[in-house]
């Protein structure tokens, strides 16, 4: 009996020690493994360093609780430190409030006003637009709710060659391959942009990072 208790104790101790050695990156930081794997952090959780707001409308973005809050009229916030991403794996943690609409633009570029060029990964859980989160707007629509409002979810965009994959909480939502005859929005290269859609839409972004792919 003593040997059984001792073995059981050692097993529990081993499990606890294993759990204790697992390290998780805090919000808006990269773990040592992510750094080693080539991930780049795009948002520091403190300010808009390396990001630029357009001049379309004002007071549409602010830092709140270490996240980017999109909450105003139609406007865009662009990442500006590097502007020629082509093949990549993009990840962000996102939260929508009830009735909110937004989008993550990629293969885009800064412009003073107006909806940007490039592709848009839709962000919409319960807003009236039937095109929901995970859609690649215009070219690949997804009409079902992929997550809940008021809850953080993981959003991924992967571009390799002519293929775009989106994931919500690790589930593939869209898988689209561009063809030569597709006259709609075209893949090219560019930066990332976050969309403020309308005054009734409130969406938060944090843990924004990207890994360039060959």
Foldseek 3Di string as FASTA:
>chain_A
DVVVVVVVVVVVVVVVVVVVPDDDDDWQDDDPVCVVVFKDRQANLPAQVQKDWAQADPPQWDRDPSWIKGAAAKTKIWRHPDWFAAFKKKKKKKAWAAQAWKWKFFLWEDDRDDDIAGWTQIDDAHHPPQFHGLAGPPFGGDRHHDDDHPDIWMWIWGDDDQWIWIDINNHTGDIDGDDPPDPPGGGDTTTMMMIRHHNVIIMIIIRIMMGGDD
